[in-house]
Amino acid sequence: MRTKLARRYAALIACAGLGLATSALAQDKTVKVGVLNDMSSLYADIGGANSVIAVKMAVQDSGLLDKGWKIDVLSGDHQNKPDIGTNMARQWIDVDKVDAIADTPNSGVALAVSTLVKEKNAVLLNSGAATADLTGKACTPNTVSFTYDTYMLANGTGKALTKAGGDSWFFLTSDYAFGHALERDTTAVVIANGGKVLGGVKHPINTSDFSSFLLQAQASKAKVVGLANAGGDTTNAIKQASEFGIVSGGQKLAALLLFVNDVHSLGLKTAQGLSFTESFYWDLNDSTRAWSKRFATQSKGGAMPSMTVAGNYAAVLHYLKALEAIGSNPHDGAKVVAKMKELPTDDPLFGKGPLRIDGRRIIPAYLFEVKKPEESKYPWDYYKTVATISPEDAAKPLEASECPLVKK
């Protein structure tokens, strides 16, 4: 009899313990977000520590901290190396229990981390990496791209310059996944709009000497020299192109990916007249100005946010909205991303727009031109808007998508 009672009590205790554990799991309101980017090299100014600031602002603005949630933000430098980025992401997920990884500028790193995140069922909130393959042939249920991609850049700058008479191109391309995707997508747009590509040359990432590449561009006689690179590579290429007389010799430079921090570094005298495409500019409207001025009080030297920094804020804010809608953190990346796609996005920097089944956020883009020095009226007053690109034109149509999540 005593043995039976003991067993019965043990069973009741076990059930009670299971119930408590289930209840605790259902009420799990702890979240960890890791900001993985370039903290020390050619992309540090367009992301780096500024991306961490933006993510922390999103955590604060989500309101979840006041509702009892515990949200930690980690950061790490992937050094633009896929193996380092993947190892850091693996450590974060396996040991530190990170739920979501944000930013990931450098498409090679992002593609590798996206594969890992799917394997571990975490979340990748991409803002920094440009390759359209993240929402194309390499898409997963765990990855979203919030800010821009190579398709957007090509269909903004590439189409506009080709239609304006720049119908022959030569590319200076950063020799890794991002540069290859950007040249590929821009080439398709140039040809589709009646232009032709006369040639191109690949250059190592983070190179300091563009002389041989620029000489080949000059010799090609192409009307447009397309810079399929970013960050320090773009600014170095633009500075040296000026020294080589590329523009004064009659060719046009197309900075296929340019950020406000690049323009600040170059100065308006050097950058004036450059055309490029972005989905965010700090001085675009009252909402972007208000947020950016808040951001600038925390950034080094009062720098304004880049497009990708703004995208990190928006992506993390929407991620946290999805967790709140679920009611707790299920630590199930695919489930959270599905909820993110279910909820309409709405934030002060990009406005409203759906998050598609392929993980691409649908927002407008803008063709900008850098102002002349005499046109700038106040600090960081660098852009003038040439054209607005509709959300539908800024993203690859779903019917043309290679994403396996899209049913055709």
Protein backbone atom coordinates (compact mmCIF):
# COMPACT_ATOMS: atom_id res chain seq x y z
CA MET A 1 0.00 0.00 0.00
CA ARG A 2 2.76 2.39 0.97
CA THR A 3 4.56 1.59 -2.29
CA LYS A 4 1.42 2.42 -4.30
CA LEU A 5 0.95 5.71 -2.42
CA ALA A 6 4.57 6.61 -2.95
CA ARG A 7 4.25 5.96 -6.66
CA ARG A 8 1.06 8.00 -6.82
CA TYR A 9 2.68 10.95 -5.03
CA ALA A 10 5.72 10.71 -7.28
CA ALA A 11 3.47 10.78 -10.36
CA LEU A 12 1.59 13.81 -9.04
CA ILE A 13 4.82 15.65 -8.31
CA ALA A 14 6.15 14.82 -11.77
CA CYS A 15 2.95 16.09 -13.41
CA ALA A 16 3.05 19.25 -11.33
CA GLY A 17 6.67 19.79 -12.29
CA LEU A 18 5.85 19.24 -15.95
CA GLY A 19 3.00 21.73 -15.69
CA LEU A 20 5.25 24.32 -14.10
CA ALA A 21 7.89 23.74 -16.76
CA THR A 22 5.32 24.07 -19.55
CA SER A 23 3.96 27.25 -18.00
CA ALA A 24 7.46 28.69 -17.64
CA LEU A 25 8.22 27.82 -21.24
CA ALA A 26 5.00 29.45 -22.44
CA GLN A 27 5.91 32.63 -20.57
CA ASP A 28 9.51 32.79 -21.79
CA LYS A 29 10.17 36.46 -22.46
CA THR A 30 13.94 36.41 -22.83
CA VAL A 31 15.46 37.37 -26.17
CA LYS A 32 19.02 37.65 -27.46
CA VAL A 33 19.94 39.49 -30.65
CA GLY A 34 23.46 39.37 -32.09
CA VAL A 35 24.66 42.16 -34.38
CA LEU A 36 27.17 40.58 -36.74
CA ASN A 37 29.06 42.95 -39.03
CA ASP A 38 32.31 44.64 -39.99
CA MET A 39 33.49 46.59 -36.95
CA SER A 40 36.98 47.50 -38.13
CA SER A 41 37.38 47.51 -41.90
CA LEU A 42 35.90 48.92 -45.11
CA TYR A 43 32.23 48.55 -44.08
CA ALA A 44 32.61 49.78 -40.50
CA ASP A 45 31.38 53.33 -41.24
CA ILE A 46 28.15 52.17 -42.89
CA GLY A 47 27.34 49.68 -40.11
CA GLY A 48 29.74 48.71 -37.36
CA ALA A 49 28.99 50.22 -33.98
CA ASN A 50 26.22 52.35 -35.50
CA SER A 51 24.19 49.23 -36.26
CA VAL A 52 24.44 48.24 -32.59
CA ILE A 53 23.10 51.67 -31.60
CA ALA A 54 20.16 51.27 -33.98
CA VAL A 55 19.32 47.79 -32.69
CA LYS A 56 19.38 49.01 -29.10
CA MET A 57 17.07 51.88 -30.09
CA ALA A 58 14.67 49.32 -31.59
CA VAL A 59 14.72 47.33 -28.34
CA GLN A 60 13.90 50.48 -26.35
CA ASP A 61 11.23 51.69 -28.78
CA SER A 62 9.52 48.28 -28.89
CA GLY A 63 8.16 48.89 -25.39
CA LEU A 64 8.82 45.28 -24.41
CA LEU A 65 11.32 46.14 -21.69
CA ASP A 66 8.54 47.97 -19.83
CA LYS A 67 6.38 44.87 -20.17
CA GLY A 68 8.77 42.55 -18.40
CA TRP A 69 10.78 41.23 -21.33
CA LYS A 70 14.54 40.76 -21.01
CA ILE A 71 16.31 41.58 -24.28
CA ASP A 72 20.08 41.40 -24.64
CA VAL A 73 22.10 42.71 -27.60
CA LEU A 74 25.48 41.15 -28.46
CA SER A 75 27.86 42.32 -31.18
CA GLY A 76 30.77 40.81 -33.10
CA ASP A 77 33.15 41.51 -35.99
CA HIS A 78 33.01 38.96 -38.81
CA GLN A 79 36.09 40.55 -40.47
CA ASN A 80 34.44 40.01 -43.89
CA LYS A 81 35.31 36.31 -43.71
CA PRO A 82 32.53 33.72 -44.08
CA ASP A 83 34.32 31.17 -41.86
CA ILE A 84 34.78 33.66 -39.01
CA GLY A 85 31.22 34.90 -39.37
CA THR A 86 29.79 31.38 -39.38
CA ASN A 87 31.85 30.27 -36.39
CA MET A 88 30.79 33.33 -34.42
CA ALA A 89 27.14 32.78 -35.31
CA ARG A 90 27.41 29.10 -34.32
CA GLN A 91 28.93 30.04 -30.94
CA TRP A 92 26.19 32.61 -30.35
CA ILE A 93 23.38 30.19 -31.15
CA ASP A 94 24.78 27.06 -29.47
CA VAL A 95 26.41 28.56 -26.38
CA ASP A 96 24.98 32.05 -25.85
CA LYS A 97 21.46 31.06 -26.96
CA VAL A 98 21.12 33.94 -29.43
CA ASP A 99 17.71 33.93 -31.14
CA ALA A 100 18.30 36.32 -34.03
CA ILE A 101 21.33 37.63 -35.92
CA ALA A 102 21.12 41.10 -37.47
CA ASP A 103 22.92 43.11 -40.15
CA THR A 104 25.54 40.81 -41.86
CA PRO A 105 27.06 43.19 -44.43
CA ASN A 106 29.19 41.14 -46.87
CA SER A 107 27.07 38.82 -48.96
CA GLY A 108 29.51 35.92 -48.65
CA VAL A 109 29.16 36.01 -44.87
CA ALA A 110 25.40 36.48 -45.04
CA LEU A 111 24.85 33.51 -47.35
CA ALA A 112 26.91 31.25 -45.07
CA VAL A 113 25.17 32.49 -41.91
CA SER A 114 21.75 32.11 -43.55
CA THR A 115 22.47 28.42 -44.16
CA LEU A 116 23.56 27.97 -40.54
CA VAL A 117 20.54 29.85 -39.19
CA LYS A 118 18.20 27.55 -41.09
CA GLU A 119 20.04 24.49 -39.72
CA LYS A 120 19.77 25.83 -36.16
CA ASN A 121 16.23 27.21 -36.61
CA ALA A 122 17.25 30.72 -35.54
CA VAL A 123 16.51 34.01 -37.39
CA LEU A 124 18.61 36.11 -39.78
CA LEU A 125 17.49 39.74 -39.99
CA ASN A 126 19.54 40.86 -42.96
CA SER A 127 20.01 44.56 -43.59
CA GLY A 128 23.63 44.89 -44.66
CA ALA A 129 24.10 42.19 -47.30
CA ALA A 130 22.96 43.13 -50.80
CA THR A 131 22.81 39.88 -52.74
CA ALA A 132 19.31 39.24 -54.06
CA ASP A 133 20.03 35.51 -53.76
CA LEU A 134 19.13 35.68 -50.04
CA THR A 135 15.50 36.07 -51.09
CA GLY A 136 16.04 34.21 -54.37
CA LYS A 137 17.61 30.82 -55.00
CA ALA A 138 19.19 30.77 -51.49
CA CYS A 139 16.05 31.84 -49.59
CA THR A 140 15.03 30.01 -46.40
CA PRO A 141 12.06 30.20 -43.98
CA ASN A 142 14.41 31.72 -41.38
CA THR A 143 15.90 34.69 -43.29
CA VAL A 144 14.44 38.10 -44.16
CA SER A 145 16.01 40.99 -46.09
CA PHE A 146 14.66 44.31 -44.96
CA THR A 147 16.45 47.13 -46.72
CA TYR A 148 17.70 46.62 -50.27
CA ASP A 149 19.26 44.15 -52.67
CA THR A 150 21.22 44.01 -55.91
CA TYR A 151 18.00 43.83 -57.94
CA MET A 152 16.87 47.16 -56.45
CA LEU A 153 20.24 48.81 -57.10
CA ALA A 154 20.37 47.58 -60.69
CA ASN A 155 16.81 48.59 -61.49
CA GLY A 156 17.32 52.00 -59.96
CA THR A 157 20.70 53.33 -61.01
CA GLY A 158 21.37 50.94 -63.89
CA LYS A 159 18.05 51.53 -65.64
CA ALA A 160 18.08 55.31 -65.12
CA LEU A 161 21.58 55.84 -66.49
CA THR A 162 21.07 53.53 -69.46
CA LYS A 163 17.81 55.25 -70.41
CA ALA A 164 19.54 58.64 -70.05
CA GLY A 165 22.03 57.71 -72.77
CA GLY A 166 24.64 55.76 -70.82
CA ASP A 167 24.22 52.76 -73.08
CA SER A 168 27.71 51.27 -72.84
CA TRP A 169 29.16 50.03 -69.56
CA PHE A 170 32.39 48.78 -68.02
CA PHE A 171 32.36 47.31 -64.51
CA LEU A 172 34.82 47.54 -61.62
CA THR A 173 33.57 44.69 -59.47
CA SER A 174 34.42 43.60 -55.93
CA ASP A 175 35.50 39.97 -56.29
CA TYR A 176 33.05 38.14 -54.01
CA ALA A 177 29.36 37.23 -53.86
CA PHE A 178 28.03 40.81 -53.51
CA GLY A 179 30.01 42.27 -56.42
CA HIS A 180 29.24 39.31 -58.67
CA ALA A 181 25.49 39.57 -57.95
CA LEU A 182 25.46 43.35 -58.47
CA GLU A 183 27.30 43.12 -61.80
CA ARG A 184 25.02 40.27 -62.90
CA ASP A 185 21.80 42.10 -62.04
CA THR A 186 22.96 45.43 -63.50
CA THR A 187 24.14 43.77 -66.71
CA ALA A 188 20.67 42.26 -67.16
CA VAL A 189 19.04 45.68 -66.73
CA VAL A 190 21.48 47.44 -69.07
CA ILE A 191 20.90 44.89 -71.83
CA ALA A 192 17.11 44.89 -71.28
CA ASN A 193 17.11 48.66 -71.81
CA GLY A 194 19.08 48.60 -75.04
CA GLY A 195 22.59 49.02 -73.66
CA LYS A 196 25.67 46.82 -73.83
CA VAL A 197 28.51 45.85 -71.55
CA LEU A 198 31.95 46.37 -73.07
CA GLY A 199 33.85 44.59 -70.31
CA GLY A 200 34.79 44.55 -66.69
CA VAL A 201 37.45 43.72 -64.17
CA LYS A 202 37.30 42.08 -60.73
CA HIS A 203 39.25 43.62 -57.86
CA PRO A 204 40.10 42.23 -54.40
CA ILE A 205 37.95 43.37 -51.50
CA ASN A 206 39.44 46.23 -49.46
CA THR A 207 42.07 47.16 -52.06
CA SER A 208 43.86 50.49 -51.92
CA ASP A 209 45.11 50.76 -55.51
CA PHE A 210 42.59 51.01 -58.35
CA SER A 211 45.01 52.40 -60.94
CA SER A 212 45.24 49.35 -63.21
CA PHE A 213 41.47 48.80 -63.05
CA LEU A 214 40.71 52.43 -63.89
CA LEU A 215 43.13 52.38 -66.82
CA GLN A 216 41.20 49.42 -68.24
CA ALA A 217 37.94 51.31 -67.74
CA GLN A 218 39.33 54.34 -69.58
CA ALA A 219 40.62 52.20 -72.43
CA SER A 220 37.19 50.59 -72.87
CA LYS A 221 35.68 53.96 -73.92
CA ALA A 222 32.46 52.91 -72.15
CA LYS A 223 30.11 55.80 -71.41
CA VAL A 224 29.50 54.50 -67.88
CA VAL A 225 31.99 53.01 -65.44
CA GLY A 226 29.91 50.99 -63.00
CA LEU A 227 31.32 50.54 -59.51
CA ALA A 228 29.97 47.21 -58.29
CA ASN A 229 31.53 47.57 -54.84
CA ALA A 230 30.80 49.28 -51.53
CA GLY A 231 32.17 51.17 -48.55
CA GLY A 232 35.88 51.94 -48.58
CA ASP A 233 36.30 50.29 -51.99
CA THR A 234 33.76 52.66 -53.52
CA THR A 235 35.24 55.79 -51.96
CA ASN A 236 38.78 54.81 -52.94
CA ALA A 237 37.68 54.09 -56.51
CA ILE A 238 35.88 57.46 -56.76
CA LYS A 239 38.86 59.40 -55.38
CA GLN A 240 41.29 57.71 -57.76
CA ALA A 241 38.90 58.04 -60.71
CA SER A 242 38.99 61.79 -60.12
CA GLU A 243 42.81 61.73 -60.18
CA PHE A 244 42.72 59.77 -63.46
CA GLY A 245 40.30 62.24 -65.04
CA ILE A 246 37.62 59.62 -65.68
CA VAL A 247 34.70 62.07 -65.44
CA SER A 248 36.50 65.06 -66.92
CA GLY A 249 37.42 62.81 -69.84
CA GLY A 250 33.74 62.27 -70.65
CA GLN A 251 32.89 59.02 -68.87
CA LYS A 252 30.29 58.85 -66.10
CA LEU A 253 30.84 57.10 -62.80
CA ALA A 254 27.95 55.01 -61.53
CA ALA A 255 28.24 54.26 -57.82
CA LEU A 256 25.88 51.31 -57.78
CA LEU A 257 25.93 51.23 -53.98
CA LEU A 258 26.67 54.45 -52.13
CA PHE A 259 25.88 55.45 -48.57
CA VAL A 260 25.53 58.83 -46.91
CA ASN A 261 28.63 58.07 -44.83
CA ASP A 262 30.60 57.54 -48.06
CA VAL A 263 29.52 60.96 -49.32
CA HIS A 264 30.50 62.49 -45.99
CA SER A 265 33.93 60.88 -46.27
CA LEU A 266 34.43 61.98 -49.88
CA GLY A 267 33.13 65.51 -49.44
CA LEU A 268 30.70 67.19 -51.83
CA LYS A 269 33.45 68.59 -54.05
CA THR A 270 34.49 65.04 -55.00
CA ALA A 271 31.11 63.28 -54.75
CA GLN A 272 28.90 65.91 -56.45
CA GLY A 273 26.81 64.61 -59.35
CA LEU A 274 27.02 60.92 -58.42
CA SER A 275 23.77 59.03 -59.04
CA PHE A 276 22.78 56.06 -56.88
CA THR A 277 19.81 54.22 -55.38
CA GLU A 278 18.82 53.82 -51.72
CA SER A 279 15.66 53.00 -49.80
CA PHE A 280 16.41 55.43 -46.95
CA TYR A 281 17.83 58.91 -46.44
CA TRP A 282 17.91 60.59 -43.07
CA ASP A 283 16.47 63.87 -44.44
CA LEU A 284 13.65 62.27 -46.46
CA ASN A 285 10.72 63.35 -44.27
CA ASP A 286 9.78 64.48 -40.76
CA SER A 287 9.82 60.94 -39.34
CA THR A 288 13.25 60.04 -40.75
CA ARG A 289 14.66 63.38 -39.57
CA ALA A 290 13.33 63.01 -36.03
CA TRP A 291 14.67 59.48 -35.61
CA SER A 292 18.01 60.29 -37.24
CA LYS A 293 18.60 63.26 -34.96
CA ARG A 294 17.97 60.98 -31.96
CA PHE A 295 20.42 58.50 -33.43
CA ALA A 296 23.06 61.17 -34.06
CA THR A 297 23.17 62.07 -30.37
CA GLN A 298 24.59 58.57 -29.75
CA SER A 299 26.74 57.97 -32.84
CA LYS A 300 30.44 58.77 -33.08
CA GLY A 301 30.94 62.34 -34.29
CA GLY A 302 27.20 62.86 -34.62
CA ALA A 303 27.09 60.77 -37.82
CA MET A 304 23.75 60.30 -39.52
CA PRO A 305 22.51 56.72 -40.08
CA SER A 306 23.18 54.84 -43.29
CA MET A 307 20.45 52.94 -45.12
CA THR A 308 21.55 49.63 -43.57
CA VAL A 309 21.70 51.07 -40.06
CA ALA A 310 18.12 52.27 -40.51
CA GLY A 311 17.19 48.83 -41.82
CA ASN A 312 18.55 47.16 -38.70
CA TYR A 313 16.30 49.33 -36.55
CA ALA A 314 13.24 48.51 -38.65
CA ALA A 315 14.00 44.77 -38.88
CA VAL A 316 14.58 44.29 -35.14
CA LEU A 317 11.53 46.40 -34.28
CA HIS A 318 9.33 44.20 -36.48
CA TYR A 319 10.94 41.03 -35.10
CA LEU A 320 10.08 42.14 -31.56
CA LYS A 321 6.51 43.00 -32.64
CA ALA A 322 6.17 39.43 -33.91
CA LEU A 323 7.39 38.03 -30.59
CA GLU A 324 4.91 40.22 -28.72
CA ALA A 325 2.11 39.01 -31.00
CA ILE A 326 3.07 35.41 -30.26
CA GLY A 327 3.02 36.25 -26.55
CA SER A 328 6.41 34.81 -25.67
CA ASN A 329 9.65 33.69 -27.28
CA PRO A 330 9.13 30.20 -28.74
CA HIS A 331 12.84 29.98 -29.69
CA ASP A 332 11.60 28.71 -33.03
CA GLY A 333 13.04 30.84 -35.83
CA ALA A 334 10.78 29.64 -38.62
CA LYS A 335 7.69 30.22 -36.46
CA VAL A 336 8.75 33.78 -35.62
CA VAL A 337 9.60 34.64 -39.23
CA ALA A 338 6.20 33.27 -40.31
CA LYS A 339 4.58 35.64 -37.81
CA MET A 340 6.72 38.51 -39.13
CA LYS A 341 5.39 37.80 -42.63
CA GLU A 342 1.83 37.63 -41.31
CA LEU A 343 2.00 41.05 -39.63
CA PRO A 344 2.13 44.21 -41.79
CA THR A 345 5.35 46.16 -41.30
CA ASP A 346 5.12 49.76 -40.17
CA ASP A 347 7.95 51.88 -38.76
CA PRO A 348 8.96 55.56 -38.83
CA LEU A 349 11.87 55.04 -41.23
CA PHE A 350 10.40 53.04 -44.12
CA GLY A 351 6.67 53.26 -43.47
CA LYS A 352 4.28 50.43 -44.25
CA GLY A 353 4.86 47.50 -46.54
CA PRO A 354 4.42 43.73 -46.66
CA LEU A 355 7.08 41.18 -45.86
CA ARG A 356 6.75 38.69 -48.71
CA ILE A 357 6.85 34.91 -48.60
CA ASP A 358 10.41 35.02 -49.99
CA GLY A 359 11.55 37.15 -47.05
CA ARG A 360 11.87 40.42 -49.01
CA ARG A 361 10.35 43.52 -47.45
CA ILE A 362 8.50 45.55 -50.09
CA ILE A 363 9.26 49.26 -49.81
CA PRO A 364 9.93 52.11 -52.24
CA ALA A 365 13.43 53.12 -53.32
CA TYR A 366 14.80 56.44 -54.48
CA LEU A 367 17.19 57.54 -57.18
CA PHE A 368 19.34 60.21 -55.58
CA GLU A 369 22.03 62.56 -56.84
CA VAL A 370 24.75 64.11 -54.66
CA LYS A 371 24.35 67.87 -54.34
CA LYS A 372 26.93 70.44 -55.41
CA PRO A 373 28.71 72.10 -52.47
CA GLU A 374 26.77 75.34 -52.97
CA GLU A 375 23.43 73.44 -52.85
CA SER A 376 24.03 72.04 -49.35
CA LYS A 377 22.43 74.22 -46.67
CA TYR A 378 23.29 72.40 -43.41
CA PRO A 379 25.41 69.49 -42.09
CA TRP A 380 24.74 66.15 -43.84
CA ASP A 381 22.52 67.89 -46.44
CA TYR A 382 23.89 65.81 -49.30
CA TYR A 383 21.13 64.31 -51.47
CA LYS A 384 18.52 65.51 -53.88
CA THR A 385 15.79 63.14 -55.03
CA VAL A 386 15.73 62.49 -58.77
CA ALA A 387 12.99 59.85 -58.86
CA THR A 388 10.92 57.59 -56.62
CA ILE A 389 10.90 53.89 -57.51
CA SER A 390 7.67 52.11 -56.61
CA PRO A 391 7.82 49.18 -54.18
CA GLU A 392 6.75 46.85 -56.98
CA ASP A 393 9.61 47.99 -59.23
CA ALA A 394 12.19 47.96 -56.43
CA ALA A 395 11.82 44.22 -55.78
CA LYS A 396 12.02 41.28 -58.14
CA PRO A 397 8.50 40.08 -59.04
CA LEU A 398 7.46 36.93 -57.22
CA GLU A 399 6.55 35.26 -60.49
CA ALA A 400 10.21 35.58 -61.54
CA SER A 401 11.57 34.47 -58.17
CA GLU A 402 13.87 31.48 -57.79
CA CYS A 403 12.99 31.18 -54.09
CA PRO A 404 11.84 27.60 -53.32
CA LEU A 405 9.28 28.99 -50.85
CA VAL A 406 7.35 30.61 -53.69
CA LYS A 407 4.71 28.38 -55.24
CA LYS A 408 4.21 29.20 -58.89
